Amino acid sequence: MAKSINGKVVYQDLGMGMWGIVDDSGTQWQPINFPEQLKYKGARVAVMIQELDMATTAMWGQPVRVLSFRTLMP
């Protein structure tokens, strides 16, 4: 099931490093297919995601697949 979130792009210096999104309610999301266009620390984004039932080695956030996205003005 798809879900829409608004949040901020973050970079986590865990292991080899990883990109994620912290939504406006503080929930951490770990996109497994993070678009290159969004890889800017602090960028505000609106993202349509699909939650995935899987574990990752990063052990940070809920794994999701990005279905669509757009950047938001600050």
N, C-alpha and C. Protein backbone atom coordinates (compact mmCIF):
# COMPACT_ATOMS: atom_id res chain seq x y z
N MET A 1 0.84 -1.18 0.00
CA MET A 1 0.00 0.00 0.00
C MET A 1 0.89 1.25 0.00
N ALA A 2 0.62 2.18 -0.86
CA ALA A 2 1.40 3.40 -0.98
C ALA A 2 1.00 4.40 0.11
N LYS A 3 1.97 5.20 0.50
CA LYS A 3 1.78 6.19 1.56
C LYS A 3 2.55 7.45 1.18
N SER A 4 1.97 8.60 1.47
CA SER A 4 2.62 9.87 1.18
C SER A 4 3.23 10.45 2.47
N ILE A 5 4.50 10.88 2.40
CA ILE A 5 5.14 11.51 3.56
C ILE A 5 5.82 12.79 3.13
N ASN A 6 5.94 13.72 4.07
CA ASN A 6 6.75 14.93 3.90
C ASN A 6 7.83 14.87 4.95
N GLY A 7 9.05 15.26 4.58
CA GLY A 7 10.11 15.20 5.57
C GLY A 7 11.40 15.81 5.08
N LYS A 8 12.48 15.48 5.78
CA LYS A 8 13.80 16.04 5.52
C LYS A 8 14.78 14.91 5.19
N VAL A 9 15.60 15.13 4.18
CA VAL A 9 16.63 14.16 3.80
C VAL A 9 17.77 14.24 4.81
N VAL A 10 18.23 13.07 5.26
CA VAL A 10 19.35 13.00 6.20
C VAL A 10 20.39 12.02 5.67
N TYR A 11 21.63 12.23 6.09
CA TYR A 11 22.70 11.29 5.77
C TYR A 11 23.17 10.70 7.09
N GLN A 12 23.17 9.40 7.18
CA GLN A 12 23.61 8.71 8.39
C GLN A 12 24.99 8.12 8.14
N ASP A 13 25.93 8.44 9.00
CA ASP A 13 27.30 7.96 8.85
C ASP A 13 27.44 6.62 9.57
N LEU A 14 26.65 5.66 9.13
CA LEU A 14 26.66 4.31 9.70
C LEU A 14 27.35 3.38 8.72
N GLY A 15 28.38 2.69 9.14
CA GLY A 15 29.08 1.79 8.23
C GLY A 15 29.64 2.57 7.06
N MET A 16 29.17 2.23 5.86
CA MET A 16 29.60 2.93 4.66
C MET A 16 28.76 4.17 4.38
N GLY A 17 27.83 4.50 5.25
CA GLY A 17 26.97 5.65 5.09
C GLY A 17 25.69 5.30 4.36
N MET A 18 24.63 6.05 4.65
CA MET A 18 23.35 5.79 4.00
C MET A 18 22.48 7.04 4.06
N TRP A 19 21.60 7.17 3.08
CA TRP A 19 20.65 8.26 3.00
C TRP A 19 19.31 7.79 3.54
N GLY A 20 18.58 8.72 4.16
CA GLY A 20 17.26 8.40 4.66
C GLY A 20 16.38 9.63 4.68
N ILE A 21 15.18 9.46 5.15
CA ILE A 21 14.22 10.55 5.30
C ILE A 21 13.63 10.47 6.70
N VAL A 22 13.58 11.61 7.38
CA VAL A 22 12.88 11.71 8.66
C VAL A 22 11.64 12.54 8.38
N ASP A 23 10.47 11.93 8.55
CA ASP A 23 9.25 12.66 8.21
C ASP A 23 8.90 13.66 9.31
N ASP A 24 7.87 14.45 9.05
CA ASP A 24 7.50 15.55 9.95
C ASP A 24 7.07 15.07 11.34
N SER A 25 6.73 13.79 11.48
CA SER A 25 6.36 13.27 12.80
C SER A 25 7.56 12.60 13.49
N GLY A 26 8.74 12.59 12.82
CA GLY A 26 9.94 12.02 13.42
C GLY A 26 10.23 10.58 13.04
N THR A 27 9.37 9.97 12.21
CA THR A 27 9.58 8.59 11.78
C THR A 27 10.73 8.53 10.78
N GLN A 28 11.59 7.53 10.92
CA GLN A 28 12.74 7.35 10.04
C GLN A 28 12.42 6.35 8.95
N TRP A 29 12.72 6.73 7.70
CA TRP A 29 12.46 5.88 6.54
C TRP A 29 13.76 5.65 5.80
N GLN A 30 13.99 4.41 5.39
CA GLN A 30 15.21 4.06 4.66
C GLN A 30 14.85 3.59 3.25
N PRO A 31 14.88 4.50 2.27
CA PRO A 31 14.59 4.10 0.89
C PRO A 31 15.68 3.18 0.34
N ILE A 32 15.27 2.05 -0.21
CA ILE A 32 16.27 1.14 -0.79
C ILE A 32 16.64 1.56 -2.20
N ASN A 33 15.85 2.44 -2.79
CA ASN A 33 16.11 2.97 -4.14
C ASN A 33 16.12 4.50 -4.08
N PHE A 34 16.96 5.05 -3.23
CA PHE A 34 16.97 6.50 -3.00
C PHE A 34 17.42 7.24 -4.26
N PRO A 35 16.56 8.11 -4.83
CA PRO A 35 16.91 8.82 -6.06
C PRO A 35 18.10 9.76 -5.87
N GLU A 36 19.01 9.76 -6.83
CA GLU A 36 20.19 10.62 -6.78
C GLU A 36 19.79 12.09 -6.63
N GLN A 37 18.68 12.49 -7.26
CA GLN A 37 18.23 13.88 -7.23
C GLN A 37 17.90 14.37 -5.82
N LEU A 38 17.66 13.45 -4.88
CA LEU A 38 17.28 13.83 -3.52
C LEU A 38 18.43 13.78 -2.53
N LYS A 39 19.61 13.41 -2.96
CA LYS A 39 20.73 13.23 -2.04
C LYS A 39 21.39 14.56 -1.67
N TYR A 40 20.61 15.38 -0.92
CA TYR A 40 21.09 16.66 -0.40
C TYR A 40 20.65 16.77 1.05
N LYS A 41 21.60 16.78 1.96
CA LYS A 41 21.27 16.86 3.39
C LYS A 41 20.37 18.05 3.65
N GLY A 42 19.30 17.80 4.38
CA GLY A 42 18.38 18.86 4.78
C GLY A 42 17.32 19.22 3.77
N ALA A 43 17.34 18.62 2.57
CA ALA A 43 16.32 18.92 1.56
C ALA A 43 14.94 18.52 2.08
N ARG A 44 13.97 19.39 1.86
CA ARG A 44 12.58 19.08 2.21
C ARG A 44 11.94 18.38 1.01
N VAL A 45 11.29 17.25 1.27
CA VAL A 45 10.74 16.44 0.19
C VAL A 45 9.33 15.95 0.51
N ALA A 46 8.58 15.71 -0.55
CA ALA A 46 7.30 15.01 -0.46
C ALA A 46 7.51 13.73 -1.26
N VAL A 47 7.26 12.59 -0.62
CA VAL A 47 7.59 11.30 -1.24
C VAL A 47 6.42 10.33 -1.11
N MET A 48 6.14 9.64 -2.19
CA MET A 48 5.17 8.56 -2.15
C MET A 48 6.00 7.29 -1.98
N ILE A 49 5.72 6.53 -0.91
CA ILE A 49 6.53 5.35 -0.59
C ILE A 49 5.65 4.11 -0.48
N GLN A 50 6.33 2.98 -0.55
CA GLN A 50 5.69 1.69 -0.29
C GLN A 50 6.55 1.00 0.76
N GLU A 51 5.97 0.70 1.92
CA GLU A 51 6.72 0.02 2.98
C GLU A 51 7.07 -1.39 2.55
N LEU A 52 8.27 -1.83 2.93
CA LEU A 52 8.75 -3.16 2.58
C LEU A 52 8.91 -4.00 3.84
N ASP A 53 8.59 -5.26 3.75
CA ASP A 53 8.73 -6.17 4.87
C ASP A 53 10.07 -6.90 4.72
N MET A 54 11.13 -6.21 5.15
CA MET A 54 12.47 -6.77 5.03
C MET A 54 13.38 -6.11 6.06
N ALA A 55 14.52 -6.72 6.30
CA ALA A 55 15.53 -6.14 7.19
C ALA A 55 16.71 -5.68 6.34
N THR A 56 17.43 -4.67 6.85
CA THR A 56 18.61 -4.20 6.14
C THR A 56 19.80 -4.23 7.10
N THR A 57 20.98 -4.13 6.56
CA THR A 57 22.18 -4.14 7.40
C THR A 57 22.35 -2.84 8.16
N ALA A 58 21.74 -1.75 7.69
CA ALA A 58 21.89 -0.45 8.35
C ALA A 58 21.17 -0.42 9.70
N MET A 59 20.07 -1.17 9.82
CA MET A 59 19.30 -1.18 11.07
C MET A 59 18.89 0.23 11.48
N TRP A 60 18.47 1.03 10.51
CA TRP A 60 18.01 2.39 10.76
C TRP A 60 16.78 2.62 9.91
N GLY A 61 15.69 2.98 10.52
CA GLY A 61 14.49 3.32 9.78
C GLY A 61 13.76 2.13 9.18
N GLN A 62 12.57 2.41 8.70
CA GLN A 62 11.72 1.42 8.04
C GLN A 62 12.09 1.37 6.57
N PRO A 63 12.46 0.20 6.05
CA PRO A 63 12.78 0.10 4.62
C PRO A 63 11.54 0.39 3.75
N VAL A 64 11.75 1.20 2.71
CA VAL A 64 10.67 1.57 1.79
C VAL A 64 11.20 1.65 0.37
N ARG A 65 10.28 1.61 -0.57
CA ARG A 65 10.59 1.84 -1.98
C ARG A 65 9.97 3.19 -2.34
N VAL A 66 10.75 4.06 -2.98
CA VAL A 66 10.25 5.35 -3.43
C VAL A 66 9.49 5.15 -4.74
N LEU A 67 8.23 5.57 -4.77
CA LEU A 67 7.40 5.45 -5.96
C LEU A 67 7.41 6.75 -6.77
N SER A 68 7.40 7.88 -6.07
CA SER A 68 7.50 9.19 -6.71
C SER A 68 7.95 10.19 -5.65
N PHE A 69 8.42 11.35 -6.13
CA PHE A 69 8.92 12.36 -5.20
C PHE A 69 8.90 13.74 -5.83
N ARG A 70 8.98 14.74 -4.95
CA ARG A 70 9.19 16.12 -5.40
C ARG A 70 9.86 16.85 -4.24
N THR A 71 10.63 17.85 -4.58
CA THR A 71 11.27 18.66 -3.54
C THR A 71 10.31 19.79 -3.16
N LEU A 72 10.41 20.23 -1.90
CA LEU A 72 9.56 21.29 -1.39
C LEU A 72 10.41 22.51 -1.10
N MET A 73 9.82 23.66 -1.22
CA MET A 73 10.53 24.90 -0.89
C MET A 73 10.63 25.00 0.64
N PRO A 74 11.73 25.54 1.13
CA PRO A 74 11.88 25.67 2.61
C PRO A 74 10.88 26.63 3.21
